[in-house]
Each structure stands twice: as structure tokens, then as C-alpha cells.
């Protein structure tokens, strides 16, 4: 498999208990959706309590595109973003 492992990644099991409790707004969970044949990709961000969802289109399948898309997608909610948890998947 050509896809790499995220360096210094932290397991989802290690996130704070308050995040798992889903008692507060502002804890987001992110994932990527890759199109058939790697043609096109999306990033999804779900607010864990509500579950309000934001979806952004990726320019390309690289970490910098994910970072840029997530930043832009959550900008309207920047005062309410506490944590973002990713599944540490190997989509790319």
C-alpha cells in the first residue's frame, strides 16, 4: 500500500472524555471521501453534538488541500470550534 501513516498521530481513543460525552457544541469529527478511481475528493466535518455537517471539495488529495478546505469550511464557526478529531485513515 503506497499510502502513508500519519506521523505522531494520536488515537481517537485518546481524545478527552468531554468530547466523547457529546455534551457541548464545538467538537468536530472530520473524514475524507474519495471518488471512484480517485477522481475527486471531499472532506466532511460533523459537529458531534448537533450533528451539523459541513462538506468541502478538495482541490487535490494532499494534506495541504485538506488543511485549507477545513480552515475555510469552519471559518464561519471559528469562535465555536473546540476540537477536531480525524479518523487517521489512509485515504491518500
PDB file of N, CA and C in Angstrom:
ATOM      1  N   UNK A   1       0.849  -1.180   0.000  1.00  0.00           N
ATOM      2  CA  UNK A   1       0.000   0.000   0.000  1.00  0.00           C
ATOM      3  C   UNK A   1       0.892   1.239   0.000  1.00  0.00           C
ATOM      4  N   UNK A   2       0.679   2.154  -0.938  1.00  0.00           N
ATOM      5  CA  UNK A   2       1.514   3.342  -1.084  1.00  0.00           C
ATOM      6  C   UNK A   2       1.162   4.438  -0.086  1.00  0.00           C
ATOM      7  N   UNK A   3       0.009   4.356   0.511  1.00  0.00           N
ATOM      8  CA  UNK A   3      -0.425   5.425   1.408  1.00  0.00           C
ATOM      9  C   UNK A   3       0.300   5.334   2.741  1.00  0.00           C
ATOM     10  N   UNK A   4       0.707   6.484   3.264  1.00  0.00           N
ATOM     11  CA  UNK A   4       1.498   6.503   4.490  1.00  0.00           C
ATOM     12  C   UNK A   4       0.672   6.628   5.753  1.00  0.00           C
ATOM     13  N   UNK A   5       1.361   6.441   6.842  1.00  0.00           N
ATOM     14  CA  UNK A   5       0.758   6.607   8.156  1.00  0.00           C
ATOM     15  C   UNK A   5       1.045   8.026   8.625  1.00  0.00           C
ATOM     16  N   UNK A   6       0.101   8.633   9.288  1.00  0.00           N
ATOM     17  CA  UNK A   6       0.258   9.996   9.774  1.00  0.00           C
ATOM     18  C   UNK A   6       1.319  10.005  10.883  1.00  0.00           C
ATOM     19  N   UNK A   7       2.367  10.824  10.722  1.00  0.00           N
ATOM     20  CA  UNK A   7       3.393  10.865  11.763  1.00  0.00           C
ATOM     21  C   UNK A   7       2.840  11.473  13.055  1.00  0.00           C
ATOM     22  N   UNK A   8       3.272  10.944  14.185  1.00  0.00           N
ATOM     23  CA  UNK A   8       2.887  11.446  15.503  1.00  0.00           C
ATOM     24  C   UNK A   8       1.375  11.508  15.699  1.00  0.00           C
ATOM     25  N   UNK A   9       0.667  10.620  15.060  1.00  0.00           N
ATOM     26  CA  UNK A   9      -0.789  10.636  15.185  1.00  0.00           C
ATOM     27  C   UNK A   9      -1.203  10.237  16.596  1.00  0.00           C
ATOM     28  N   UNK A  10      -2.395  10.668  16.969  1.00  0.00           N
ATOM     29  CA  UNK A  10      -2.968  10.349  18.271  1.00  0.00           C
ATOM     30  C   UNK A  10      -4.252   9.580  18.017  1.00  0.00           C
ATOM     31  N   UNK A  11      -4.441   8.492  18.722  1.00  0.00           N
ATOM     32  CA  UNK A  11      -5.624   7.655  18.548  1.00  0.00           C
ATOM     33  C   UNK A  11      -6.890   8.394  18.966  1.00  0.00           C
ATOM     34  N   UNK A  12      -8.002   8.086  18.284  1.00  0.00           N
ATOM     35  CA  UNK A  12      -9.295   8.655  18.661  1.00  0.00           C
ATOM     36  C   UNK A  12      -9.647   8.273  20.096  1.00  0.00           C
ATOM     37  N   UNK A  13      -9.146   7.148  20.558  1.00  0.00           N
ATOM     38  CA  UNK A  13      -9.413   6.693  21.926  1.00  0.00           C
ATOM     39  C   UNK A  13      -8.786   7.611  22.976  1.00  0.00           C
ATOM     40  N   UNK A  14      -7.842   8.438  22.557  1.00  0.00           N
ATOM     41  CA  UNK A  14      -7.139   9.316  23.489  1.00  0.00           C
ATOM     42  C   UNK A  14      -7.730  10.718  23.566  1.00  0.00           C
ATOM     43  N   UNK A  15      -8.834  10.971  22.872  1.00  0.00           N
ATOM     44  CA  UNK A  15      -9.415  12.307  22.952  1.00  0.00           C
ATOM     45  C   UNK A  15     -10.052  12.494  24.337  1.00  0.00           C
ATOM     46  N   UNK A  16     -10.187  13.734  24.782  1.00  0.00           N
ATOM     47  CA  UNK A  16     -10.727  13.997  26.121  1.00  0.00           C
ATOM     48  C   UNK A  16     -12.134  13.425  26.312  1.00  0.00           C
ATOM     49  N   UNK A  17     -12.441  13.015  27.529  1.00  0.00           N
ATOM     50  CA  UNK A  17     -13.750  12.431  27.845  1.00  0.00           C
ATOM     51  C   UNK A  17     -14.888  13.387  27.513  1.00  0.00           C
ATOM     52  N   UNK A  18     -14.692  14.688  27.700  1.00  0.00           N
ATOM     53  CA  UNK A  18     -15.743  15.668  27.406  1.00  0.00           C
ATOM     54  C   UNK A  18     -16.150  15.618  25.936  1.00  0.00           C
ATOM     55  N   UNK A  19     -15.207  15.307  25.064  1.00  0.00           N
ATOM     56  CA  UNK A  19     -15.513  15.199  23.634  1.00  0.00           C
ATOM     57  C   UNK A  19     -16.383  13.972  23.382  1.00  0.00           C
ATOM     58  N   UNK A  20     -16.042  12.865  23.989  1.00  0.00           N
ATOM     59  CA  UNK A  20     -16.830  11.644  23.818  1.00  0.00           C
ATOM     60  C   UNK A  20     -18.229  11.770  24.403  1.00  0.00           C
ATOM     61  N   UNK A  21     -18.404  12.603  25.420  1.00  0.00           N
ATOM     62  CA  UNK A  21     -19.708  12.753  26.076  1.00  0.00           C
ATOM     63  C   UNK A  21     -20.732  13.461  25.191  1.00  0.00           C
ATOM     64  N   UNK A  22     -20.277  14.222  24.200  1.00  0.00           N
ATOM     65  CA  UNK A  22     -21.161  14.957  23.285  1.00  0.00           C
ATOM     66  C   UNK A  22     -22.114  15.891  24.035  1.00  0.00           C
ATOM     67  N   UNK A  23     -21.611  16.559  25.067  1.00  0.00           N
ATOM     68  CA  UNK A  23     -22.444  17.474  25.850  1.00  0.00           C
ATOM     69  C   UNK A  23     -22.239  18.932  25.487  1.00  0.00           C
ATOM     70  N   UNK A  24     -21.275  19.223  24.655  1.00  0.00           N
ATOM     71  CA  UNK A  24     -21.014  20.615  24.310  1.00  0.00           C
ATOM     72  C   UNK A  24     -20.879  20.768  22.804  1.00  0.00           C
ATOM     73  N   UNK A  25     -21.204  21.938  22.315  1.00  0.00           N
ATOM     74  CA  UNK A  25     -21.043  22.258  20.909  1.00  0.00           C
ATOM     75  C   UNK A  25     -19.586  22.648  20.663  1.00  0.00           C
ATOM     76  N   UNK A  26     -19.054  22.263  19.520  1.00  0.00           N
ATOM     77  CA  UNK A  26     -17.723  22.698  19.124  1.00  0.00           C
ATOM     78  C   UNK A  26     -16.707  21.598  18.929  1.00  0.00           C
ATOM     79  N   UNK A  27     -17.111  20.369  19.170  1.00  0.00           N
ATOM     80  CA  UNK A  27     -16.212  19.238  18.951  1.00  0.00           C
ATOM     81  C   UNK A  27     -16.586  18.585  17.621  1.00  0.00           C
ATOM     82  N   UNK A  28     -15.684  18.659  16.662  1.00  0.00           N
ATOM     83  CA  UNK A  28     -15.939  18.215  15.298  1.00  0.00           C
ATOM     84  C   UNK A  28     -15.195  16.919  15.000  1.00  0.00           C
ATOM     85  N   UNK A  29     -15.763  16.145  14.083  1.00  0.00           N
ATOM     86  CA  UNK A  29     -15.102  14.934  13.602  1.00  0.00           C
ATOM     87  C   UNK A  29     -14.973  15.050  12.086  1.00  0.00           C
ATOM     88  N   UNK A  30     -13.765  14.848  11.574  1.00  0.00           N
ATOM     89  CA  UNK A  30     -13.505  15.004  10.152  1.00  0.00           C
ATOM     90  C   UNK A  30     -13.159  13.697   9.469  1.00  0.00           C
ATOM     91  N   UNK A  31     -13.491  13.639   8.196  1.00  0.00           N
ATOM     92  CA  UNK A  31     -13.155  12.471   7.385  1.00  0.00           C
ATOM     93  C   UNK A  31     -13.069  12.918   5.933  1.00  0.00           C
ATOM     94  N   UNK A  32     -12.489  12.086   5.103  1.00  0.00           N
ATOM     95  CA  UNK A  32     -12.441  12.363   3.673  1.00  0.00           C
ATOM     96  C   UNK A  32     -13.203  11.285   2.920  1.00  0.00           C
ATOM     97  N   UNK A  33     -13.763  11.703   1.800  1.00  0.00           N
ATOM     98  CA  UNK A  33     -14.481  10.790   0.907  1.00  0.00           C
ATOM     99  C   UNK A  33     -13.793  10.896  -0.444  1.00  0.00           C
ATOM    100  N   UNK A  34     -13.292   9.778  -0.933  1.00  0.00           N
ATOM    101  CA  UNK A  34     -12.556   9.753  -2.194  1.00  0.00           C
ATOM    102  C   UNK A  34     -13.444   9.163  -3.278  1.00  0.00           C
ATOM    103  N   UNK A  35     -13.501   9.832  -4.424  1.00  0.00           N
ATOM    104  CA  UNK A  35     -14.315   9.361  -5.538  1.00  0.00           C
ATOM    105  C   UNK A  35     -13.734   8.129  -6.208  1.00  0.00           C
ATOM    106  N   UNK A  36     -14.561   7.490  -6.997  1.00  0.00           N
ATOM    107  CA  UNK A  36     -14.150   6.299  -7.734  1.00  0.00           C
ATOM    108  C   UNK A  36     -12.924   6.614  -8.592  1.00  0.00           C
ATOM    109  N   UNK A  37     -11.946   5.742  -8.525  1.00  0.00           N
ATOM    110  CA  UNK A  37     -10.724   5.950  -9.294  1.00  0.00           C
ATOM    111  C   UNK A  37      -9.926   7.157  -8.827  1.00  0.00           C
ATOM    112  N   UNK A  38     -10.152   7.590  -7.596  1.00  0.00           N
ATOM    113  CA  UNK A  38      -9.503   8.776  -7.028  1.00  0.00           C
ATOM    114  C   UNK A  38      -9.791  10.028  -7.850  1.00  0.00           C
ATOM    115  N   UNK A  39     -10.952  10.078  -8.456  1.00  0.00           N
ATOM    116  CA  UNK A  39     -11.365  11.275  -9.200  1.00  0.00           C
ATOM    117  C   UNK A  39     -12.265  12.108  -8.305  1.00  0.00           C
ATOM    118  N   UNK A  40     -11.689  13.111  -7.728  1.00  0.00           N
ATOM    119  CA  UNK A  40     -12.434  13.985  -6.835  1.00  0.00           C
ATOM    120  C   UNK A  40     -12.385  13.501  -5.397  1.00  0.00           C
ATOM    121  N   UNK A  41     -12.462  14.460  -4.493  1.00  0.00           N
ATOM    122  CA  UNK A  41     -12.438  14.133  -3.071  1.00  0.00           C
ATOM    123  C   UNK A  41     -13.162  15.218  -2.291  1.00  0.00           C
ATOM    124  N   UNK A  42     -13.762  14.802  -1.181  1.00  0.00           N
ATOM    125  CA  UNK A  42     -14.474  15.712  -0.287  1.00  0.00           C
ATOM    126  C   UNK A  42     -13.927  15.549   1.119  1.00  0.00           C
ATOM    127  N   UNK A  43     -14.064  16.586   1.904  1.00  0.00           N
ATOM    128  CA  UNK A  43     -13.805  16.485   3.335  1.00  0.00           C
ATOM    129  C   UNK A  43     -15.137  16.750   4.031  1.00  0.00           C
ATOM    130  N   UNK A  44     -15.473  15.904   5.004  1.00  0.00           N
ATOM    131  CA  UNK A  44     -16.702  16.085   5.777  1.00  0.00           C
ATOM    132  C   UNK A  44     -16.327  16.424   7.211  1.00  0.00           C
ATOM    133  N   UNK A  45     -17.071  17.345   7.795  1.00  0.00           N
ATOM    134  CA  UNK A  45     -16.869  17.750   9.181  1.00  0.00           C
ATOM    135  C   UNK A  45     -18.220  17.703   9.874  1.00  0.00           C
ATOM    136  N   UNK A  46     -18.321  16.875  10.892  1.00  0.00           N
ATOM    137  CA  UNK A  46     -19.581  16.700  11.613  1.00  0.00           C
ATOM    138  C   UNK A  46     -19.395  17.211  13.034  1.00  0.00           C
ATOM    139  N   UNK A  47     -20.254  18.127  13.446  1.00  0.00           N
ATOM    140  CA  UNK A  47     -20.240  18.602  14.828  1.00  0.00           C
ATOM    141  C   UNK A  47     -20.889  17.510  15.660  1.00  0.00           C
ATOM    142  N   UNK A  48     -20.193  16.983  16.634  1.00  0.00           N
ATOM    143  CA  UNK A  48     -20.606  15.758  17.310  1.00  0.00           C
ATOM    144  C   UNK A  48     -21.895  15.875  18.111  1.00  0.00           C
ATOM    145  N   UNK A  49     -22.213  17.025  18.657  1.00  0.00           N
ATOM    146  CA  UNK A  49     -23.429  17.141  19.465  1.00  0.00           C
ATOM    147  C   UNK A  49     -24.670  17.343  18.613  1.00  0.00           C
ATOM    148  N   UNK A  50     -24.592  18.118  17.551  1.00  0.00           N
ATOM    149  CA  UNK A  50     -25.799  18.582  16.856  1.00  0.00           C
ATOM    150  C   UNK A  50     -26.515  17.610  15.908  1.00  0.00           C
ATOM    151  N   UNK A  51     -26.025  16.834  15.071  1.00  0.00           N
ATOM    152  CA  UNK A  51     -24.808  16.661  14.283  1.00  0.00           C
ATOM    153  C   UNK A  51     -24.835  17.476  12.976  1.00  0.00           C
ATOM    154  N   UNK A  52     -24.549  18.741  13.084  1.00  0.00           N
ATOM    155  CA  UNK A  52     -24.447  19.636  11.936  1.00  0.00           C
ATOM    156  C   UNK A  52     -23.252  19.195  11.095  1.00  0.00           C
ATOM    157  N   UNK A  53     -23.410  19.207   9.777  1.00  0.00           N
ATOM    158  CA  UNK A  53     -22.361  18.721   8.878  1.00  0.00           C
ATOM    159  C   UNK A  53     -21.969  19.791   7.870  1.00  0.00           C
ATOM    160  N   UNK A  54     -20.674  19.915   7.653  1.00  0.00           N
ATOM    161  CA  UNK A  54     -20.113  20.809   6.645  1.00  0.00           C
ATOM    162  C   UNK A  54     -19.319  19.933   5.686  1.00  0.00           C
ATOM    163  N   UNK A  55     -19.492  20.171   4.384  1.00  0.00           N
ATOM    164  CA  UNK A  55     -18.780  19.394   3.367  1.00  0.00           C
ATOM    165  C   UNK A  55     -18.018  20.354   2.466  1.00  0.00           C
ATOM    166  N   UNK A  56     -16.760  20.033   2.200  1.00  0.00           N
ATOM    167  CA  UNK A  56     -15.948  20.853   1.318  1.00  0.00           C
ATOM    168  C   UNK A  56     -15.297  20.007   0.241  1.00  0.00           C
ATOM    169  N   UNK A  57     -15.124  20.596  -0.924  1.00  0.00           N
ATOM    170  CA  UNK A  57     -14.487  19.917  -2.048  1.00  0.00           C
ATOM    171  C   UNK A  57     -12.979  20.159  -1.999  1.00  0.00           C
ATOM    172  N   UNK A  58     -12.206  19.095  -2.189  1.00  0.00           N
ATOM    173  CA  UNK A  58     -10.749  19.206  -2.161  1.00  0.00           C
ATOM    174  C   UNK A  58     -10.200  19.491  -3.554  1.00  0.00           C
ATOM    175  N   UNK A  59      -9.236  20.392  -3.628  1.00  0.00           N
ATOM    176  CA  UNK A  59      -8.589  20.707  -4.901  1.00  0.00           C
ATOM    177  C   UNK A  59      -7.748  19.537  -5.391  1.00  0.00           C
ATOM    178  N   UNK A  60      -7.119  18.838  -4.454  1.00  0.00           N
ATOM    179  CA  UNK A  60      -6.304  17.663  -4.765  1.00  0.00           C
ATOM    180  C   UNK A  60      -6.186  16.831  -3.497  1.00  0.00           C
ATOM    181  N   UNK A  61      -5.684  15.647  -3.621  1.00  0.00           N
ATOM    182  CA  UNK A  61      -5.615  14.706  -2.498  1.00  0.00           C
ATOM    183  C   UNK A  61      -4.288  14.822  -1.752  1.00  0.00           C
ATOM    184  N   UNK A  62      -4.071  15.945  -1.144  1.00  0.00           N
ATOM    185  CA  UNK A  62      -2.855  16.181  -0.361  1.00  0.00           C
ATOM    186  C   UNK A  62      -3.240  16.844   0.956  1.00  0.00           C
ATOM    187  N   UNK A  63      -2.375  16.696   1.946  1.00  0.00           N
ATOM    188  CA  UNK A  63      -2.652  17.233   3.278  1.00  0.00           C
ATOM    189  C   UNK A  63      -2.902  18.737   3.264  1.00  0.00           C
ATOM    190  N   UNK A  64      -2.152  19.481   2.441  1.00  0.00           N
ATOM    191  CA  UNK A  64      -2.343  20.930   2.424  1.00  0.00           C
ATOM    192  C   UNK A  64      -3.720  21.311   1.900  1.00  0.00           C
ATOM    193  N   UNK A  65      -4.271  20.527   0.982  1.00  0.00           N
ATOM    194  CA  UNK A  65      -5.622  20.792   0.473  1.00  0.00           C
ATOM    195  C   UNK A  65      -6.665  20.521   1.552  1.00  0.00           C
ATOM    196  N   UNK A  66      -6.447  19.469   2.335  1.00  0.00           N
ATOM    197  CA  UNK A  66      -7.366  19.160   3.438  1.00  0.00           C
ATOM    198  C   UNK A  66      -7.326  20.288   4.459  1.00  0.00           C
ATOM    199  N   UNK A  67      -6.136  20.716   4.837  1.00  0.00           N
ATOM    200  CA  UNK A  67      -5.986  21.808   5.801  1.00  0.00           C
ATOM    201  C   UNK A  67      -6.689  23.072   5.331  1.00  0.00           C
ATOM    202  N   UNK A  68      -6.475  23.436   4.073  1.00  0.00           N
ATOM    203  CA  UNK A  68      -7.081  24.644   3.517  1.00  0.00           C
ATOM    204  C   UNK A  68      -8.606  24.532   3.495  1.00  0.00           C
ATOM    205  N   UNK A  69      -9.124  23.399   3.059  1.00  0.00           N
ATOM    206  CA  UNK A  69     -10.566  23.207   2.964  1.00  0.00           C
ATOM    207  C   UNK A  69     -11.217  23.217   4.342  1.00  0.00           C
ATOM    208  N   UNK A  70     -10.600  22.544   5.310  1.00  0.00           N
ATOM    209  CA  UNK A  70     -11.143  22.518   6.676  1.00  0.00           C
ATOM    210  C   UNK A  70     -11.145  23.925   7.273  1.00  0.00           C
ATOM    211  N   UNK A  71     -10.057  24.650   7.095  1.00  0.00           N
ATOM    212  CA  UNK A  71      -9.969  26.013   7.620  1.00  0.00           C
ATOM    213  C   UNK A  71     -11.062  26.895   7.032  1.00  0.00           C
ATOM    214  N   UNK A  72     -11.247  26.834   5.724  1.00  0.00           N
ATOM    215  CA  UNK A  72     -12.276  27.646   5.069  1.00  0.00           C
ATOM    216  C   UNK A  72     -13.683  27.225   5.490  1.00  0.00           C
ATOM    217  N   UNK A  73     -13.906  25.915   5.594  1.00  0.00           N
ATOM    218  CA  UNK A  73     -15.240  25.414   5.932  1.00  0.00           C
ATOM    219  C   UNK A  73     -15.654  25.793   7.350  1.00  0.00           C
ATOM    220  N   UNK A  74     -14.698  25.804   8.267  1.00  0.00           N
ATOM    221  CA  UNK A  74     -15.028  26.097   9.664  1.00  0.00           C
ATOM    222  C   UNK A  74     -14.865  27.570  10.040  1.00  0.00           C
ATOM    223  N   UNK A  75     -14.391  28.396   9.126  1.00  0.00           N
ATOM    224  CA  UNK A  75     -14.183  29.812   9.421  1.00  0.00           C
ATOM    225  C   UNK A  75     -15.443  30.494   9.974  1.00  0.00           C
ATOM    226  N   UNK A  76     -16.640  30.222   9.418  1.00  0.00           N
ATOM    227  CA  UNK A  76     -17.833  30.874   9.980  1.00  0.00           C
ATOM    228  C   UNK A  76     -18.130  30.458  11.428  1.00  0.00           C
ATOM    229  N   UNK A  77     -17.538  29.379  11.879  1.00  0.00           N
ATOM    230  CA  UNK A  77     -17.792  28.844  13.224  1.00  0.00           C
ATOM    231  C   UNK A  77     -16.557  28.942  14.120  1.00  0.00           C
ATOM    232  N   UNK A  78     -15.571  29.735  13.716  1.00  0.00           N
ATOM    233  CA  UNK A  78     -14.268  29.727  14.386  1.00  0.00           C
ATOM    234  C   UNK A  78     -14.345  29.983  15.891  1.00  0.00           C
ATOM    235  N   UNK A  79     -15.325  30.753  16.336  1.00  0.00           N
ATOM    236  CA  UNK A  79     -15.465  31.014  17.769  1.00  0.00           C
ATOM    237  C   UNK A  79     -16.017  29.801  18.513  1.00  0.00           C
ATOM    238  N   UNK A  80     -16.536  28.831  17.765  1.00  0.00           N
ATOM    239  CA  UNK A  80     -17.166  27.670  18.391  1.00  0.00           C
ATOM    240  C   UNK A  80     -16.451  26.356  18.090  1.00  0.00           C
ATOM    241  N   UNK A  81     -15.278  26.413  17.525  1.00  0.00           N
ATOM    242  CA  UNK A  81     -14.514  25.187  17.271  1.00  0.00           C
ATOM    243  C   UNK A  81     -13.610  24.934  18.469  1.00  0.00           C
ATOM    244  N   UNK A  82     -13.850  23.816  19.145  1.00  0.00           N
ATOM    245  CA  UNK A  82     -13.030  23.452  20.306  1.00  0.00           C
ATOM    246  C   UNK A  82     -11.998  22.398  19.920  1.00  0.00           C
ATOM    247  N   UNK A  83     -12.469  21.326  19.268  1.00  0.00           N
ATOM    248  CA  UNK A  83     -11.571  20.249  18.857  1.00  0.00           C
ATOM    249  C   UNK A  83     -11.985  19.742  17.483  1.00  0.00           C
ATOM    250  N   UNK A  84     -11.025  19.155  16.778  1.00  0.00           N
ATOM    251  CA  UNK A  84     -11.301  18.448  15.524  1.00  0.00           C
ATOM    252  C   UNK A  84     -10.586  17.109  15.627  1.00  0.00           C
ATOM    253  N   UNK A  85     -11.344  16.037  15.461  1.00  0.00           N
ATOM    254  CA  UNK A  85     -10.789  14.691  15.519  1.00  0.00           C
ATOM    255  C   UNK A  85     -10.915  14.060  14.140  1.00  0.00           C
ATOM    256  N   UNK A  86      -9.832  13.476  13.649  1.00  0.00           N
ATOM    257  CA  UNK A  86      -9.847  12.755  12.383  1.00  0.00           C
ATOM    258  C   UNK A  86      -9.698  11.271  12.669  1.00  0.00           C
ATOM    259  N   UNK A  87     -10.113  10.460  11.725  1.00  0.00           N
ATOM    260  CA  UNK A  87     -10.038   9.011  11.931  1.00  0.00           C
ATOM    261  C   UNK A  87      -8.645   8.441  11.666  1.00  0.00           C
ATOM    262  N   UNK A  88      -7.699   9.286  11.280  1.00  0.00           N
ATOM    263  CA  UNK A  88      -6.324   8.848  10.987  1.00  0.00           C
ATOM    264  C   UNK A  88      -6.279   7.812   9.871  1.00  0.00           C
ATOM    265  N   UNK A  89      -7.242   7.883   8.967  1.00  0.00           N
ATOM    266  CA  UNK A  89      -7.293   6.946   7.855  1.00  0.00           C
ATOM    267  C   UNK A  89      -6.177   7.166   6.853  1.00  0.00           C
ATOM    268  N   UNK A  90      -6.092   6.251   5.901  1.00  0.00           N
ATOM    269  CA  UNK A  90      -5.032   6.304   4.895  1.00  0.00           C
ATOM    270  C   UNK A  90      -5.630   6.462   3.507  1.00  0.00           C
ATOM    271  N   UNK A  91      -6.594   7.367   3.377  1.00  0.00           N
ATOM    272  CA  UNK A  91      -7.266   7.544   2.092  1.00  0.00           C
ATOM    273  C   UNK A  91      -6.310   7.942   0.979  1.00  0.00           C
ATOM    274  N   UNK A  92      -5.291   8.736   1.280  1.00  0.00           N
ATOM    275  CA  UNK A  92      -4.377   9.211   0.257  1.00  0.00           C
ATOM    276  C   UNK A  92      -3.181   8.293   0.169  1.00  0.00           C
TER     277      UNK A  92
END
